[in-house]
């Protein structure tokens, strides 16, 4: 258990930050799931719109340090490639 006032404060700050990061990550995953669902339905316009909505949320997570920037770039790239492939299928 924390003995000093500064250590107790760090614990409080960590709890708040952890909750905020978890919410941010959850929100990002929800947006990604919406894109996945739209891709599975085969509706290219709906999938593209879902990706346009998800992209800023994903970039924000990378900017805040919740997810690595390269991971987000890779996910966006792969989702957009899957959306582009809907037309040919």
PDB file of N, CA and C in Angstrom:
ATOM      1  N   UNK A   1       0.842  -1.188   0.000  1.00  0.00           N
ATOM      2  CA  UNK A   1       0.000   0.000   0.000  1.00  0.00           C
ATOM      3  C   UNK A   1       0.882   1.245   0.000  1.00  0.00           C
ATOM      4  N   UNK A   2       0.407   2.294  -0.623  1.00  0.00           N
ATOM      5  CA  UNK A   2       1.180   3.528  -0.745  1.00  0.00           C
ATOM      6  C   UNK A   2       1.326   4.210   0.612  1.00  0.00           C
ATOM      7  N   UNK A   3       2.529   4.661   0.908  1.00  0.00           N
ATOM      8  CA  UNK A   3       2.791   5.310   2.193  1.00  0.00           C
ATOM      9  C   UNK A   3       2.751   6.829   2.109  1.00  0.00           C
ATOM     10  N   UNK A   4       3.195   7.375   0.981  1.00  0.00           N
ATOM     11  CA  UNK A   4       3.288   8.828   0.875  1.00  0.00           C
ATOM     12  C   UNK A   4       2.071   9.396   0.152  1.00  0.00           C
ATOM     13  N   UNK A   5       1.868  10.680   0.365  1.00  0.00           N
ATOM     14  CA  UNK A   5       0.743  11.368  -0.289  1.00  0.00           C
ATOM     15  C   UNK A   5       0.910  11.352  -1.796  1.00  0.00           C
ATOM     16  N   UNK A   6       2.144  11.513  -2.255  1.00  0.00           N
ATOM     17  CA  UNK A   6       2.380  11.527  -3.707  1.00  0.00           C
ATOM     18  C   UNK A   6       2.094  10.151  -4.319  1.00  0.00           C
ATOM     19  N   UNK A   7       2.408   9.095  -3.584  1.00  0.00           N
ATOM     20  CA  UNK A   7       2.138   7.746  -4.090  1.00  0.00           C
ATOM     21  C   UNK A   7       0.635   7.487  -4.150  1.00  0.00           C
ATOM     22  N   UNK A   8      -0.092   7.977  -3.124  1.00  0.00           N
ATOM     23  CA  UNK A   8      -1.551   7.827  -3.141  1.00  0.00           C
ATOM     24  C   UNK A   8      -2.156   8.593  -4.312  1.00  0.00           C
ATOM     25  N   UNK A   9      -1.615   9.766  -4.593  1.00  0.00           N
ATOM     26  CA  UNK A   9      -2.090  10.558  -5.723  1.00  0.00           C
ATOM     27  C   UNK A   9      -1.814   9.832  -7.041  1.00  0.00           C
ATOM     28  N   UNK A  10      -0.635   9.239  -7.172  1.00  0.00           N
ATOM     29  CA  UNK A  10      -0.298   8.503  -8.391  1.00  0.00           C
ATOM     30  C   UNK A  10      -1.276   7.342  -8.600  1.00  0.00           C
ATOM     31  N   UNK A  11      -1.670   6.686  -7.526  1.00  0.00           N
ATOM     32  CA  UNK A  11      -2.638   5.596  -7.626  1.00  0.00           C
ATOM     33  C   UNK A  11      -3.970   6.123  -8.154  1.00  0.00           C
ATOM     34  N   UNK A  12      -4.411   7.268  -7.610  1.00  0.00           N
ATOM     35  CA  UNK A  12      -5.670   7.868  -8.090  1.00  0.00           C
ATOM     36  C   UNK A  12      -5.573   8.232  -9.561  1.00  0.00           C
ATOM     37  N   UNK A  13      -4.462   8.831  -9.949  1.00  0.00           N
ATOM     38  CA  UNK A  13      -4.282   9.246 -11.344  1.00  0.00           C
ATOM     39  C   UNK A  13      -4.267   8.029 -12.272  1.00  0.00           C
ATOM     40  N   UNK A  14      -3.605   6.970 -11.829  1.00  0.00           N
ATOM     41  CA  UNK A  14      -3.518   5.754 -12.642  1.00  0.00           C
ATOM     42  C   UNK A  14      -4.897   5.136 -12.855  1.00  0.00           C
ATOM     43  N   UNK A  15      -5.707   5.129 -11.808  1.00  0.00           N
ATOM     44  CA  UNK A  15      -7.061   4.568 -11.928  1.00  0.00           C
ATOM     45  C   UNK A  15      -7.885   5.341 -12.949  1.00  0.00           C
ATOM     46  N   UNK A  16      -7.811   6.671 -12.877  1.00  0.00           N
ATOM     47  CA  UNK A  16      -8.568   7.507 -13.815  1.00  0.00           C
ATOM     48  C   UNK A  16      -8.066   7.282 -15.238  1.00  0.00           C
ATOM     49  N   UNK A  17      -6.743   7.276 -15.395  1.00  0.00           N
ATOM     50  CA  UNK A  17      -6.147   7.117 -16.720  1.00  0.00           C
ATOM     51  C   UNK A  17      -6.467   5.739 -17.311  1.00  0.00           C
ATOM     52  N   UNK A  18      -6.422   4.700 -16.467  1.00  0.00           N
ATOM     53  CA  UNK A  18      -6.727   3.352 -16.926  1.00  0.00           C
ATOM     54  C   UNK A  18      -8.168   3.252 -17.408  1.00  0.00           C
ATOM     55  N   UNK A  19      -9.088   3.844 -16.654  1.00  0.00           N
ATOM     56  CA  UNK A  19     -10.502   3.825 -17.048  1.00  0.00           C
ATOM     57  C   UNK A  19     -10.703   4.567 -18.362  1.00  0.00           C
ATOM     58  N   UNK A  20     -10.031   5.710 -18.511  1.00  0.00           N
ATOM     59  CA  UNK A  20     -10.159   6.503 -19.732  1.00  0.00           C
ATOM     60  C   UNK A  20      -9.614   5.732 -20.931  1.00  0.00           C
ATOM     61  N   UNK A  21      -8.456   5.107 -20.759  1.00  0.00           N
ATOM     62  CA  UNK A  21      -7.847   4.344 -21.846  1.00  0.00           C
ATOM     63  C   UNK A  21      -8.700   3.140 -22.230  1.00  0.00           C
ATOM     64  N   UNK A  22      -9.270   2.466 -21.232  1.00  0.00           N
ATOM     65  CA  UNK A  22     -10.129   1.308 -21.501  1.00  0.00           C
ATOM     66  C   UNK A  22     -11.359   1.740 -22.295  1.00  0.00           C
ATOM     67  N   UNK A  23     -11.937   2.883 -21.930  1.00  0.00           N
ATOM     68  CA  UNK A  23     -13.116   3.387 -22.643  1.00  0.00           C
ATOM     69  C   UNK A  23     -12.753   3.730 -24.086  1.00  0.00           C
ATOM     70  N   UNK A  24     -11.591   4.350 -24.263  1.00  0.00           N
ATOM     71  CA  UNK A  24     -11.138   4.737 -25.599  1.00  0.00           C
ATOM     72  C   UNK A  24     -10.923   3.497 -26.471  1.00  0.00           C
ATOM     73  N   UNK A  25     -10.284   2.480 -25.894  1.00  0.00           N
ATOM     74  CA  UNK A  25     -10.003   1.252 -26.636  1.00  0.00           C
ATOM     75  C   UNK A  25     -11.304   0.530 -26.983  1.00  0.00           C
ATOM     76  N   UNK A  26     -12.242   0.499 -26.036  1.00  0.00           N
ATOM     77  CA  UNK A  26     -13.531  -0.141 -26.261  1.00  0.00           C
ATOM     78  C   UNK A  26     -14.300   0.565 -27.380  1.00  0.00           C
ATOM     79  N   UNK A  27     -14.288   1.901 -27.343  1.00  0.00           N
ATOM     80  CA  UNK A  27     -14.962   2.701 -28.371  1.00  0.00           C
ATOM     81  C   UNK A  27     -14.364   2.418 -29.744  1.00  0.00           C
ATOM     82  N   UNK A  28     -13.055   2.326 -29.810  1.00  0.00           N
ATOM     83  CA  UNK A  28     -12.375   2.042 -31.071  1.00  0.00           C
ATOM     84  C   UNK A  28     -12.784   0.656 -31.590  1.00  0.00           C
ATOM     85  N   UNK A  29     -12.807  -0.323 -30.697  1.00  0.00           N
ATOM     86  CA  UNK A  29     -13.184  -1.684 -31.102  1.00  0.00           C
ATOM     87  C   UNK A  29     -14.610  -1.733 -31.606  1.00  0.00           C
ATOM     88  N   UNK A  30     -15.504  -0.957 -30.982  1.00  0.00           N
ATOM     89  CA  UNK A  30     -16.904  -0.915 -31.421  1.00  0.00           C
ATOM     90  C   UNK A  30     -17.001  -0.383 -32.845  1.00  0.00           C
ATOM     91  N   UNK A  31     -16.257   0.691 -33.129  1.00  0.00           N
ATOM     92  CA  UNK A  31     -16.254   1.258 -34.478  1.00  0.00           C
ATOM     93  C   UNK A  31     -15.720   0.244 -35.488  1.00  0.00           C
ATOM     94  N   UNK A  32     -14.656  -0.473 -35.117  1.00  0.00           N
ATOM     95  CA  UNK A  32     -14.079  -1.482 -36.016  1.00  0.00           C
ATOM     96  C   UNK A  32     -15.091  -2.596 -36.269  1.00  0.00           C
ATOM     97  N   UNK A  33     -15.823  -2.989 -35.213  1.00  0.00           N
ATOM     98  CA  UNK A  33     -16.832  -4.040 -35.362  1.00  0.00           C
ATOM     99  C   UNK A  33     -17.931  -3.619 -36.336  1.00  0.00           C
ATOM    100  N   UNK A  34     -18.300  -2.328 -36.297  1.00  0.00           N
ATOM    101  CA  UNK A  34     -19.317  -1.821 -37.220  1.00  0.00           C
ATOM    102  C   UNK A  34     -18.831  -1.924 -38.661  1.00  0.00           C
ATOM    103  N   UNK A  35     -17.554  -1.649 -38.884  1.00  0.00           N
ATOM    104  CA  UNK A  35     -16.980  -1.777 -40.229  1.00  0.00           C
ATOM    105  C   UNK A  35     -16.993  -3.240 -40.650  1.00  0.00           C
ATOM    106  N   UNK A  36     -16.579  -4.130 -39.742  1.00  0.00           N
ATOM    107  CA  UNK A  36     -16.558  -5.573 -40.048  1.00  0.00           C
ATOM    108  C   UNK A  36     -17.954  -6.073 -40.411  1.00  0.00           C
ATOM    109  N   UNK A  37     -18.955  -5.628 -39.672  1.00  0.00           N
ATOM    110  CA  UNK A  37     -20.334  -6.043 -39.934  1.00  0.00           C
ATOM    111  C   UNK A  37     -20.791  -5.553 -41.304  1.00  0.00           C
ATOM    112  N   UNK A  38     -20.450  -4.317 -41.630  1.00  0.00           N
ATOM    113  CA  UNK A  38     -20.833  -3.755 -42.925  1.00  0.00           C
ATOM    114  C   UNK A  38     -20.143  -4.504 -44.064  1.00  0.00           C
ATOM    115  N   UNK A  39     -18.881  -4.881 -43.871  1.00  0.00           N
ATOM    116  CA  UNK A  39     -18.157  -5.644 -44.893  1.00  0.00           C
ATOM    117  C   UNK A  39     -18.812  -7.008 -45.080  1.00  0.00           C
ATOM    118  N   UNK A  40     -19.182  -7.639 -43.969  1.00  0.00           N
ATOM    119  CA  UNK A  40     -19.812  -8.962 -44.037  1.00  0.00           C
ATOM    120  C   UNK A  40     -21.155  -8.912 -44.750  1.00  0.00           C
ATOM    121  N   UNK A  41     -21.877  -7.789 -44.609  1.00  0.00           N
ATOM    122  CA  UNK A  41     -23.173  -7.666 -45.272  1.00  0.00           C
ATOM    123  C   UNK A  41     -23.029  -7.478 -46.779  1.00  0.00           C
ATOM    124  N   UNK A  42     -21.841  -7.023 -47.209  1.00  0.00           N
ATOM    125  CA  UNK A  42     -21.587  -6.874 -48.639  1.00  0.00           C
ATOM    126  C   UNK A  42     -21.982  -5.524 -49.198  1.00  0.00           C
ATOM    127  N   UNK A  43     -22.409  -4.601 -48.346  1.00  0.00           N
ATOM    128  CA  UNK A  43     -22.802  -3.263 -48.793  1.00  0.00           C
ATOM    129  C   UNK A  43     -21.577  -2.354 -48.782  1.00  0.00           C
ATOM    130  N   UNK A  44     -21.066  -2.053 -49.966  1.00  0.00           N
ATOM    131  CA  UNK A  44     -19.821  -1.292 -50.075  1.00  0.00           C
ATOM    132  C   UNK A  44     -19.967   0.136 -49.549  1.00  0.00           C
ATOM    133  N   UNK A  45     -21.079   0.804 -49.868  1.00  0.00           N
ATOM    134  CA  UNK A  45     -21.275   2.183 -49.428  1.00  0.00           C
ATOM    135  C   UNK A  45     -21.359   2.275 -47.910  1.00  0.00           C
ATOM    136  N   UNK A  46     -22.105   1.347 -47.325  1.00  0.00           N
ATOM    137  CA  UNK A  46     -22.256   1.337 -45.870  1.00  0.00           C
ATOM    138  C   UNK A  46     -20.911   1.033 -45.199  1.00  0.00           C
ATOM    139  N   UNK A  47     -20.144   0.118 -45.771  1.00  0.00           N
ATOM    140  CA  UNK A  47     -18.834  -0.238 -45.215  1.00  0.00           C
ATOM    141  C   UNK A  47     -17.872   0.947 -45.302  1.00  0.00           C
ATOM    142  N   UNK A  48     -17.913   1.650 -46.437  1.00  0.00           N
ATOM    143  CA  UNK A  48     -17.037   2.813 -46.604  1.00  0.00           C
ATOM    144  C   UNK A  48     -17.404   3.919 -45.618  1.00  0.00           C
ATOM    145  N   UNK A  49     -18.700   4.110 -45.406  1.00  0.00           N
ATOM    146  CA  UNK A  49     -19.149   5.126 -44.450  1.00  0.00           C
ATOM    147  C   UNK A  49     -18.731   4.751 -43.031  1.00  0.00           C
ATOM    148  N   UNK A  50     -18.836   3.474 -42.702  1.00  0.00           N
ATOM    149  CA  UNK A  50     -18.439   3.006 -41.377  1.00  0.00           C
ATOM    150  C   UNK A  50     -16.943   3.191 -41.166  1.00  0.00           C
ATOM    151  N   UNK A  51     -16.150   2.956 -42.215  1.00  0.00           N
ATOM    152  CA  UNK A  51     -14.703   3.141 -42.103  1.00  0.00           C
ATOM    153  C   UNK A  51     -14.361   4.623 -41.939  1.00  0.00           C
ATOM    154  N   UNK A  52     -15.080   5.490 -42.666  1.00  0.00           N
ATOM    155  CA  UNK A  52     -14.843   6.930 -42.524  1.00  0.00           C
ATOM    156  C   UNK A  52     -15.146   7.401 -41.106  1.00  0.00           C
ATOM    157  N   UNK A  53     -16.133   6.778 -40.469  1.00  0.00           N
ATOM    158  CA  UNK A  53     -16.466   7.128 -39.084  1.00  0.00           C
ATOM    159  C   UNK A  53     -15.449   6.544 -38.108  1.00  0.00           C
ATOM    160  N   UNK A  54     -14.929   5.367 -38.422  1.00  0.00           N
ATOM    161  CA  UNK A  54     -14.015   4.664 -37.521  1.00  0.00           C
ATOM    162  C   UNK A  54     -12.601   5.236 -37.573  1.00  0.00           C
ATOM    163  N   UNK A  55     -12.209   5.712 -38.729  1.00  0.00           N
ATOM    164  CA  UNK A  55     -10.822   6.153 -38.927  1.00  0.00           C
ATOM    165  C   UNK A  55     -10.371   7.228 -37.933  1.00  0.00           C
ATOM    166  N   UNK A  56     -11.128   8.315 -37.723  1.00  0.00           N
ATOM    167  CA  UNK A  56     -10.673   9.320 -36.755  1.00  0.00           C
ATOM    168  C   UNK A  56     -10.577   8.765 -35.337  1.00  0.00           C
ATOM    169  N   UNK A  57     -11.501   7.869 -34.996  1.00  0.00           N
ATOM    170  CA  UNK A  57     -11.496   7.269 -33.658  1.00  0.00           C
ATOM    171  C   UNK A  57     -10.247   6.407 -33.472  1.00  0.00           C
ATOM    172  N   UNK A  58      -9.876   5.681 -34.500  1.00  0.00           N
ATOM    173  CA  UNK A  58      -8.678   4.841 -34.444  1.00  0.00           C
ATOM    174  C   UNK A  58      -7.418   5.706 -34.368  1.00  0.00           C
ATOM    175  N   UNK A  59      -7.382   6.761 -35.167  1.00  0.00           N
ATOM    176  CA  UNK A  59      -6.225   7.664 -35.154  1.00  0.00           C
ATOM    177  C   UNK A  59      -6.089   8.354 -33.797  1.00  0.00           C
ATOM    178  N   UNK A  60      -7.214   8.692 -33.203  1.00  0.00           N
ATOM    179  CA  UNK A  60      -7.197   9.334 -31.893  1.00  0.00           C
ATOM    180  C   UNK A  60      -6.621   8.383 -30.842  1.00  0.00           C
ATOM    181  N   UNK A  61      -6.985   7.113 -30.930  1.00  0.00           N
ATOM    182  CA  UNK A  61      -6.452   6.116 -29.996  1.00  0.00           C
ATOM    183  C   UNK A  61      -4.935   6.018 -30.150  1.00  0.00           C
ATOM    184  N   UNK A  62      -4.459   6.080 -31.385  1.00  0.00           N
ATOM    185  CA  UNK A  62      -3.009   6.038 -31.621  1.00  0.00           C
ATOM    186  C   UNK A  62      -2.344   7.291 -31.077  1.00  0.00           C
ATOM    187  N   UNK A  63      -2.970   8.425 -31.276  1.00  0.00           N
ATOM    188  CA  UNK A  63      -2.412   9.684 -30.811  1.00  0.00           C
ATOM    189  C   UNK A  63      -2.333   9.773 -29.296  1.00  0.00           C
ATOM    190  N   UNK A  64      -3.290   9.145 -28.628  1.00  0.00           N
ATOM    191  CA  UNK A  64      -3.320   9.172 -27.170  1.00  0.00           C
ATOM    192  C   UNK A  64      -2.457   8.072 -26.557  1.00  0.00           C
ATOM    193  N   UNK A  65      -1.889   7.218 -27.396  1.00  0.00           N
ATOM    194  CA  UNK A  65      -1.013   6.169 -26.887  1.00  0.00           C
ATOM    195  C   UNK A  65      -1.738   4.915 -26.443  1.00  0.00           C
ATOM    196  N   UNK A  66      -3.032   4.816 -26.737  1.00  0.00           N
ATOM    197  CA  UNK A  66      -3.802   3.632 -26.357  1.00  0.00           C
ATOM    198  C   UNK A  66      -3.428   2.456 -27.257  1.00  0.00           C
ATOM    199  N   UNK A  67      -3.183   2.750 -28.520  1.00  0.00           N
ATOM    200  CA  UNK A  67      -2.773   1.729 -29.483  1.00  0.00           C
ATOM    201  C   UNK A  67      -1.564   2.268 -30.245  1.00  0.00           C
ATOM    202  N   UNK A  68      -0.747   1.366 -30.739  1.00  0.00           N
ATOM    203  CA  UNK A  68       0.448   1.777 -31.476  1.00  0.00           C
ATOM    204  C   UNK A  68       0.048   2.324 -32.843  1.00  0.00           C
ATOM    205  N   UNK A  69       0.753   3.336 -33.285  1.00  0.00           N
ATOM    206  CA  UNK A  69       0.422   4.005 -34.554  1.00  0.00           C
ATOM    207  C   UNK A  69       0.496   3.043 -35.733  1.00  0.00           C
ATOM    208  N   UNK A  70       1.506   2.189 -35.758  1.00  0.00           N
ATOM    209  CA  UNK A  70       1.642   1.246 -36.868  1.00  0.00           C
ATOM    210  C   UNK A  70       0.514   0.215 -36.874  1.00  0.00           C
ATOM    211  N   UNK A  71       0.053  -0.174 -35.692  1.00  0.00           N
ATOM    212  CA  UNK A  71      -1.058  -1.120 -35.596  1.00  0.00           C
ATOM    213  C   UNK A  71      -2.311  -0.511 -36.205  1.00  0.00           C
ATOM    214  N   UNK A  72      -2.565   0.746 -35.889  1.00  0.00           N
ATOM    215  CA  UNK A  72      -3.747   1.428 -36.410  1.00  0.00           C
ATOM    216  C   UNK A  72      -3.643   1.591 -37.924  1.00  0.00           C
ATOM    217  N   UNK A  73      -2.461   1.968 -38.409  1.00  0.00           N
ATOM    218  CA  UNK A  73      -2.257   2.112 -39.856  1.00  0.00           C
ATOM    219  C   UNK A  73      -2.513   0.789 -40.564  1.00  0.00           C
ATOM    220  N   UNK A  74      -2.017  -0.286 -39.983  1.00  0.00           N
ATOM    221  CA  UNK A  74      -2.203  -1.612 -40.578  1.00  0.00           C
ATOM    222  C   UNK A  74      -3.681  -1.994 -40.611  1.00  0.00           C
ATOM    223  N   UNK A  75      -4.393  -1.753 -39.515  1.00  0.00           N
ATOM    224  CA  UNK A  75      -5.811  -2.096 -39.453  1.00  0.00           C
ATOM    225  C   UNK A  75      -6.630  -1.299 -40.469  1.00  0.00           C
ATOM    226  N   UNK A  76      -6.354  -0.007 -40.563  1.00  0.00           N
ATOM    227  CA  UNK A  76      -7.065   0.839 -41.523  1.00  0.00           C
ATOM    228  C   UNK A  76      -6.790   0.375 -42.942  1.00  0.00           C
ATOM    229  N   UNK A  77      -5.538   0.054 -43.223  1.00  0.00           N
ATOM    230  CA  UNK A  77      -5.151  -0.397 -44.554  1.00  0.00           C
ATOM    231  C   UNK A  77      -5.867  -1.692 -44.929  1.00  0.00           C
ATOM    232  N   UNK A  78      -5.893  -2.621 -43.987  1.00  0.00           N
ATOM    233  CA  UNK A  78      -6.519  -3.921 -44.273  1.00  0.00           C
ATOM    234  C   UNK A  78      -8.033  -3.795 -44.408  1.00  0.00           C
ATOM    235  N   UNK A  79      -8.644  -2.952 -43.592  1.00  0.00           N
ATOM    236  CA  UNK A  79     -10.090  -2.757 -43.705  1.00  0.00           C
ATOM    237  C   UNK A  79     -10.451  -2.103 -45.042  1.00  0.00           C
ATOM    238  N   UNK A  80      -9.669  -1.095 -45.446  1.00  0.00           N
ATOM    239  CA  UNK A  80      -9.966  -0.424 -46.712  1.00  0.00           C
ATOM    240  C   UNK A  80      -9.740  -1.364 -47.895  1.00  0.00           C
ATOM    241  N   UNK A  81      -8.741  -2.233 -47.795  1.00  0.00           N
ATOM    242  CA  UNK A  81      -8.506  -3.212 -48.859  1.00  0.00           C
ATOM    243  C   UNK A  81      -9.677  -4.176 -48.968  1.00  0.00           C
ATOM    244  N   UNK A  82     -10.224  -4.575 -47.822  1.00  0.00           N
ATOM    245  CA  UNK A  82     -11.372  -5.489 -47.834  1.00  0.00           C
ATOM    246  C   UNK A  82     -12.609  -4.797 -48.408  1.00  0.00           C
ATOM    247  N   UNK A  83     -12.751  -3.510 -48.145  1.00  0.00           N
ATOM    248  CA  UNK A  83     -13.886  -2.755 -48.694  1.00  0.00           C
ATOM    249  C   UNK A  83     -13.758  -2.637 -50.207  1.00  0.00           C
ATOM    250  N   UNK A  84     -12.534  -2.363 -50.681  1.00  0.00           N
ATOM    251  CA  UNK A  84     -12.305  -2.269 -52.119  1.00  0.00           C
ATOM    252  C   UNK A  84     -12.569  -3.598 -52.818  1.00  0.00           C
ATOM    253  N   UNK A  85     -12.317  -4.699 -52.124  1.00  0.00           N
ATOM    254  CA  UNK A  85     -12.513  -6.023 -52.725  1.00  0.00           C
ATOM    255  C   UNK A  85     -13.988  -6.397 -52.842  1.00  0.00           C
ATOM    256  N   UNK A  86     -14.867  -5.676 -52.159  1.00  0.00           N
ATOM    257  CA  UNK A  86     -16.305  -5.984 -52.222  1.00  0.00           C
ATOM    258  C   UNK A  86     -16.825  -5.808 -53.649  1.00  0.00           C
ATOM    259  N   UNK A  87     -16.369  -4.795 -54.353  1.00  0.00           N
ATOM    260  CA  UNK A  87     -16.867  -4.520 -55.708  1.00  0.00           C
ATOM    261  C   UNK A  87     -16.547  -5.644 -56.684  1.00  0.00           C
ATOM    262  N   UNK A  88     -15.350  -6.229 -56.544  1.00  0.00           N
ATOM    263  CA  UNK A  88     -14.943  -7.289 -57.474  1.00  0.00           C
ATOM    264  C   UNK A  88     -15.636  -8.604 -57.155  1.00  0.00           C
ATOM    265  N   UNK A  89     -16.009  -8.803 -55.899  1.00  0.00           N
ATOM    266  CA  UNK A  89     -16.612 -10.075 -55.499  1.00  0.00           C
ATOM    267  C   UNK A  89     -18.052 -10.182 -55.950  1.00  0.00           C
TER     268      UNK A  89
END
